[in-house]
Amino acid sequence: MHVRTQEIIPQSEKLPLDETSIALRGVKIKNVQWALGVAVYTGKETKIMMNNKGKKGRKMSHLEHEVGKFTGIIMCIQVILCAIVAAASAAFDTSET
């Protein structure tokens, strides 16, 4: 940030608004007697919001997709095997041998 202490800024001098002179939302400015700020447009038509339109959720790699798919397949197979074993156990328990 541009810090000016005890000096008068001439009217002809212009300070640019870039990443070194902007305090984003949630920033706490400490150890200053006063601060002068300007509200900058932060709506839905800013560059960062326009780039984020189509992306919902989080980014996942190809490997994460595959692991998730295989985990679901393994869980389904285990449920089917448990159902088969439960049915076989019930059949053998009720049979007269």
N, C-alpha and C. Protein backbone atom coordinates (compact mmCIF):
# COMPACT_ATOMS: atom_id res chain seq x y z
N MET A 1 0.83 -1.18 0.00
CA MET A 1 0.00 0.00 0.00
C MET A 1 0.88 1.24 0.00
N HIS A 2 0.34 2.29 -0.59
CA HIS A 2 1.07 3.55 -0.57
C HIS A 2 0.81 4.21 0.78
N VAL A 3 1.85 4.42 1.52
CA VAL A 3 1.71 5.04 2.83
C VAL A 3 2.36 6.42 2.77
N ARG A 4 1.59 7.40 3.11
CA ARG A 4 2.10 8.78 3.13
C ARG A 4 1.98 9.29 4.56
N THR A 5 3.07 9.65 5.14
CA THR A 5 3.02 10.16 6.51
C THR A 5 3.45 11.61 6.53
N GLN A 6 2.62 12.43 7.09
CA GLN A 6 2.88 13.84 7.34
C GLN A 6 3.38 14.58 6.11
N GLU A 7 2.78 14.33 4.96
CA GLU A 7 3.13 15.12 3.78
C GLU A 7 1.86 15.42 3.00
N ILE A 8 1.88 16.52 2.32
CA ILE A 8 0.73 16.93 1.52
C ILE A 8 0.95 16.43 0.09
N ILE A 9 -0.08 15.75 -0.44
CA ILE A 9 0.02 15.21 -1.79
C ILE A 9 -0.47 16.28 -2.75
N PRO A 10 0.36 16.67 -3.72
CA PRO A 10 -0.08 17.69 -4.69
C PRO A 10 -1.25 17.16 -5.52
N GLN A 11 -2.13 18.07 -5.96
CA GLN A 11 -3.29 17.66 -6.74
C GLN A 11 -2.90 17.09 -8.10
N SER A 12 -1.77 17.47 -8.62
CA SER A 12 -1.35 16.99 -9.94
C SER A 12 -0.83 15.55 -9.87
N GLU A 13 -0.48 15.08 -8.68
CA GLU A 13 0.04 13.72 -8.56
C GLU A 13 -1.12 12.73 -8.53
N LYS A 14 -1.04 11.71 -9.36
CA LYS A 14 -2.07 10.69 -9.42
C LYS A 14 -1.50 9.37 -8.93
N LEU A 15 -2.26 8.72 -8.06
CA LEU A 15 -1.85 7.41 -7.56
C LEU A 15 -2.70 6.34 -8.24
N PRO A 16 -2.07 5.34 -8.82
CA PRO A 16 -2.84 4.30 -9.50
C PRO A 16 -3.49 3.35 -8.50
N LEU A 17 -4.61 2.76 -8.90
CA LEU A 17 -5.22 1.71 -8.11
C LEU A 17 -4.76 0.37 -8.67
N ASP A 18 -3.83 -0.25 -8.00
CA ASP A 18 -3.38 -1.57 -8.40
C ASP A 18 -3.34 -2.47 -7.16
N GLU A 19 -2.79 -3.66 -7.30
CA GLU A 19 -2.83 -4.61 -6.19
C GLU A 19 -2.04 -4.16 -4.96
N THR A 20 -1.16 -3.19 -5.12
CA THR A 20 -0.40 -2.72 -3.96
C THR A 20 -1.13 -1.62 -3.19
N SER A 21 -2.18 -1.06 -3.78
CA SER A 21 -2.86 0.05 -3.11
C SER A 21 -4.34 -0.22 -2.83
N ILE A 22 -4.77 -1.48 -2.93
CA ILE A 22 -6.16 -1.81 -2.67
C ILE A 22 -6.24 -2.74 -1.47
N ALA A 23 -7.11 -2.42 -0.54
CA ALA A 23 -7.38 -3.30 0.60
C ALA A 23 -8.68 -4.03 0.30
N LEU A 24 -8.61 -5.35 0.18
CA LEU A 24 -9.79 -6.13 -0.16
C LEU A 24 -10.70 -6.30 1.05
N ARG A 25 -11.90 -6.83 0.80
CA ARG A 25 -12.90 -7.00 1.84
C ARG A 25 -12.36 -7.88 2.96
N GLY A 26 -12.61 -7.48 4.18
CA GLY A 26 -12.20 -8.25 5.34
C GLY A 26 -10.83 -7.90 5.89
N VAL A 27 -10.12 -7.00 5.22
CA VAL A 27 -8.78 -6.61 5.68
C VAL A 27 -8.90 -5.63 6.83
N LYS A 28 -8.10 -5.83 7.87
CA LYS A 28 -8.06 -4.90 9.00
C LYS A 28 -6.78 -4.10 8.91
N ILE A 29 -6.93 -2.79 8.85
CA ILE A 29 -5.79 -1.90 8.77
C ILE A 29 -5.47 -1.45 10.19
N LYS A 30 -4.25 -1.73 10.64
CA LYS A 30 -3.87 -1.44 12.02
C LYS A 30 -2.74 -0.41 12.07
N ASN A 31 -2.58 0.15 13.22
CA ASN A 31 -1.49 1.08 13.53
C ASN A 31 -1.45 2.30 12.61
N VAL A 32 -2.61 2.85 12.28
CA VAL A 32 -2.69 4.09 11.52
C VAL A 32 -3.64 5.03 12.24
N GLN A 33 -3.37 6.33 12.16
CA GLN A 33 -4.24 7.30 12.79
C GLN A 33 -5.48 7.53 11.93
N TRP A 34 -5.33 7.55 10.62
CA TRP A 34 -6.46 7.74 9.73
C TRP A 34 -6.14 7.10 8.38
N ALA A 35 -7.18 6.82 7.63
CA ALA A 35 -7.02 6.24 6.29
C ALA A 35 -8.07 6.84 5.38
N LEU A 36 -7.71 7.03 4.14
CA LEU A 36 -8.61 7.58 3.14
C LEU A 36 -8.86 6.48 2.12
N GLY A 37 -10.13 6.22 1.82
CA GLY A 37 -10.43 5.13 0.91
C GLY A 37 -11.46 5.50 -0.14
N VAL A 38 -11.49 4.73 -1.19
CA VAL A 38 -12.44 4.89 -2.28
C VAL A 38 -13.10 3.54 -2.51
N ALA A 39 -14.42 3.52 -2.64
CA ALA A 39 -15.13 2.27 -2.93
C ALA A 39 -14.95 1.94 -4.40
N VAL A 40 -14.55 0.73 -4.66
CA VAL A 40 -14.32 0.26 -6.03
C VAL A 40 -15.43 -0.72 -6.37
N TYR A 41 -15.93 -0.69 -7.59
CA TYR A 41 -17.03 -1.56 -8.00
C TYR A 41 -16.62 -3.03 -7.86
N THR A 42 -17.45 -3.78 -7.17
CA THR A 42 -17.14 -5.19 -6.94
C THR A 42 -18.34 -6.07 -7.24
N GLY A 43 -19.12 -5.74 -8.22
CA GLY A 43 -20.35 -6.48 -8.52
C GLY A 43 -20.11 -7.71 -9.38
N LYS A 44 -21.19 -8.18 -10.01
CA LYS A 44 -21.14 -9.41 -10.79
C LYS A 44 -20.49 -9.24 -12.15
N GLU A 45 -20.22 -8.02 -12.55
CA GLU A 45 -19.63 -7.79 -13.87
C GLU A 45 -18.14 -7.49 -13.78
N THR A 46 -17.52 -7.80 -12.67
CA THR A 46 -16.08 -7.61 -12.57
C THR A 46 -15.39 -8.78 -13.25
N LYS A 47 -14.13 -8.63 -13.54
CA LYS A 47 -13.37 -9.64 -14.27
C LYS A 47 -13.35 -10.98 -13.55
N ILE A 48 -13.16 -10.97 -12.26
CA ILE A 48 -13.08 -12.21 -11.51
C ILE A 48 -14.42 -12.95 -11.48
N MET A 49 -15.53 -12.22 -11.41
CA MET A 49 -16.84 -12.86 -11.39
C MET A 49 -17.23 -13.37 -12.78
N MET A 50 -16.84 -12.64 -13.82
CA MET A 50 -17.14 -13.09 -15.18
C MET A 50 -16.39 -14.37 -15.53
N ASN A 51 -15.17 -14.51 -15.04
CA ASN A 51 -14.38 -15.71 -15.30
C ASN A 51 -14.89 -16.90 -14.51
N ASN A 52 -15.66 -16.68 -13.47
CA ASN A 52 -16.09 -17.74 -12.57
C ASN A 52 -17.53 -18.18 -12.84
N LYS A 53 -18.17 -17.70 -13.89
CA LYS A 53 -19.58 -17.98 -14.13
C LYS A 53 -19.89 -19.46 -14.27
N GLY A 54 -19.23 -20.15 -15.18
CA GLY A 54 -19.60 -21.52 -15.49
C GLY A 54 -19.04 -22.56 -14.54
N LYS A 55 -18.14 -22.19 -13.68
CA LYS A 55 -17.48 -23.15 -12.81
C LYS A 55 -18.17 -23.20 -11.46
N LYS A 56 -18.77 -24.33 -11.18
CA LYS A 56 -19.40 -24.51 -9.88
C LYS A 56 -18.73 -25.68 -9.20
N GLY A 57 -18.65 -25.64 -7.90
CA GLY A 57 -17.98 -26.71 -7.18
C GLY A 57 -16.49 -26.50 -7.17
N ARG A 58 -15.78 -27.60 -6.99
CA ARG A 58 -14.33 -27.46 -6.95
C ARG A 58 -13.71 -28.22 -8.10
N LYS A 59 -12.49 -27.88 -8.42
CA LYS A 59 -11.79 -28.55 -9.50
C LYS A 59 -11.35 -29.93 -9.03
N MET A 60 -11.53 -30.92 -9.88
CA MET A 60 -11.10 -32.27 -9.56
C MET A 60 -10.24 -32.80 -10.70
N SER A 61 -9.19 -33.51 -10.35
CA SER A 61 -8.33 -34.07 -11.38
C SER A 61 -8.97 -35.33 -11.96
N HIS A 62 -8.41 -35.81 -13.04
CA HIS A 62 -8.90 -37.03 -13.68
C HIS A 62 -8.79 -38.21 -12.72
N LEU A 63 -7.70 -38.27 -11.97
CA LEU A 63 -7.50 -39.36 -11.02
C LEU A 63 -8.56 -39.34 -9.92
N GLU A 64 -8.93 -38.15 -9.42
CA GLU A 64 -9.97 -38.06 -8.40
C GLU A 64 -11.31 -38.54 -8.93
N HIS A 65 -11.62 -38.23 -10.18
CA HIS A 65 -12.86 -38.73 -10.79
C HIS A 65 -12.86 -40.25 -10.85
N GLU A 66 -11.73 -40.82 -11.30
CA GLU A 66 -11.63 -42.27 -11.41
C GLU A 66 -11.74 -42.95 -10.05
N VAL A 67 -11.05 -42.42 -9.04
CA VAL A 67 -11.10 -43.00 -7.70
C VAL A 67 -12.52 -42.94 -7.15
N GLY A 68 -13.22 -41.85 -7.35
CA GLY A 68 -14.60 -41.73 -6.89
C GLY A 68 -15.51 -42.74 -7.58
N LYS A 69 -15.31 -42.93 -8.89
CA LYS A 69 -16.12 -43.88 -9.64
C LYS A 69 -15.85 -45.31 -9.15
N PHE A 70 -14.58 -45.67 -8.98
CA PHE A 70 -14.25 -47.03 -8.53
C PHE A 70 -14.70 -47.28 -7.10
N THR A 71 -14.67 -46.27 -6.26
CA THR A 71 -15.16 -46.44 -4.89
C THR A 71 -16.66 -46.74 -4.89
N GLY A 72 -17.41 -46.05 -5.73
CA GLY A 72 -18.84 -46.33 -5.85
C GLY A 72 -19.11 -47.73 -6.38
N ILE A 73 -18.33 -48.16 -7.37
CA ILE A 73 -18.50 -49.51 -7.92
C ILE A 73 -18.20 -50.57 -6.87
N ILE A 74 -17.11 -50.39 -6.12
CA ILE A 74 -16.75 -51.36 -5.08
C ILE A 74 -17.82 -51.40 -4.00
N MET A 75 -18.37 -50.25 -3.62
CA MET A 75 -19.42 -50.24 -2.60
C MET A 75 -20.67 -50.99 -3.10
N CYS A 76 -21.05 -50.78 -4.36
CA CYS A 76 -22.20 -51.50 -4.92
C CYS A 76 -21.96 -53.00 -4.94
N ILE A 77 -20.77 -53.42 -5.33
CA ILE A 77 -20.44 -54.85 -5.34
C ILE A 77 -20.52 -55.43 -3.93
N GLN A 78 -20.02 -54.70 -2.94
CA GLN A 78 -20.08 -55.19 -1.55
C GLN A 78 -21.52 -55.30 -1.06
N VAL A 79 -22.37 -54.37 -1.42
CA VAL A 79 -23.78 -54.44 -1.01
C VAL A 79 -24.44 -55.65 -1.65
N ILE A 80 -24.17 -55.89 -2.93
CA ILE A 80 -24.75 -57.05 -3.62
C ILE A 80 -24.25 -58.35 -2.98
N LEU A 81 -22.95 -58.43 -2.70
CA LEU A 81 -22.40 -59.64 -2.07
C LEU A 81 -23.00 -59.86 -0.68
N CYS A 82 -23.18 -58.79 0.08
CA CYS A 82 -23.79 -58.92 1.41
C CYS A 82 -25.22 -59.43 1.30
N ALA A 83 -25.97 -58.94 0.32
CA ALA A 83 -27.35 -59.40 0.12
C ALA A 83 -27.38 -60.87 -0.27
N ILE A 84 -26.47 -61.29 -1.15
CA ILE A 84 -26.41 -62.71 -1.57
C ILE A 84 -26.06 -63.60 -0.39
N VAL A 85 -25.06 -63.22 0.39
CA VAL A 85 -24.65 -64.03 1.55
C VAL A 85 -25.75 -64.07 2.60
N ALA A 86 -26.46 -62.95 2.81
CA ALA A 86 -27.56 -62.94 3.78
C ALA A 86 -28.68 -63.86 3.33
N ALA A 87 -28.99 -63.85 2.03
CA ALA A 87 -30.05 -64.72 1.51
C ALA A 87 -29.62 -66.19 1.61
N ALA A 88 -28.37 -66.48 1.29
CA ALA A 88 -27.88 -67.86 1.40
C ALA A 88 -27.87 -68.33 2.84
N SER A 89 -27.48 -67.46 3.76
CA SER A 89 -27.47 -67.82 5.18
C SER A 89 -28.88 -68.10 5.67
N ALA A 90 -29.84 -67.28 5.26
CA ALA A 90 -31.23 -67.51 5.66
C ALA A 90 -31.76 -68.80 5.06
N ALA A 91 -31.37 -69.12 3.83
CA ALA A 91 -31.83 -70.35 3.18
C ALA A 91 -31.26 -71.58 3.88
N PHE A 92 -29.99 -71.54 4.23
CA PHE A 92 -29.36 -72.69 4.89
C PHE A 92 -29.85 -72.86 6.32
N ASP A 93 -30.15 -71.77 7.00
CA ASP A 93 -30.65 -71.86 8.40
C ASP A 93 -32.05 -72.45 8.44
N THR A 94 -32.86 -72.22 7.45
CA THR A 94 -34.24 -72.71 7.47
C THR A 94 -34.38 -74.07 6.81
N SER A 95 -33.35 -74.54 6.13
CA SER A 95 -33.46 -75.85 5.48
C SER A 95 -33.30 -76.97 6.51
N GLU A 96 -33.92 -78.12 6.23
CA GLU A 96 -33.87 -79.25 7.15
C GLU A 96 -32.81 -80.23 6.66
N THR A 97 -31.65 -80.17 7.26
CA THR A 97 -30.60 -81.12 6.94
C THR A 97 -30.04 -81.82 8.14
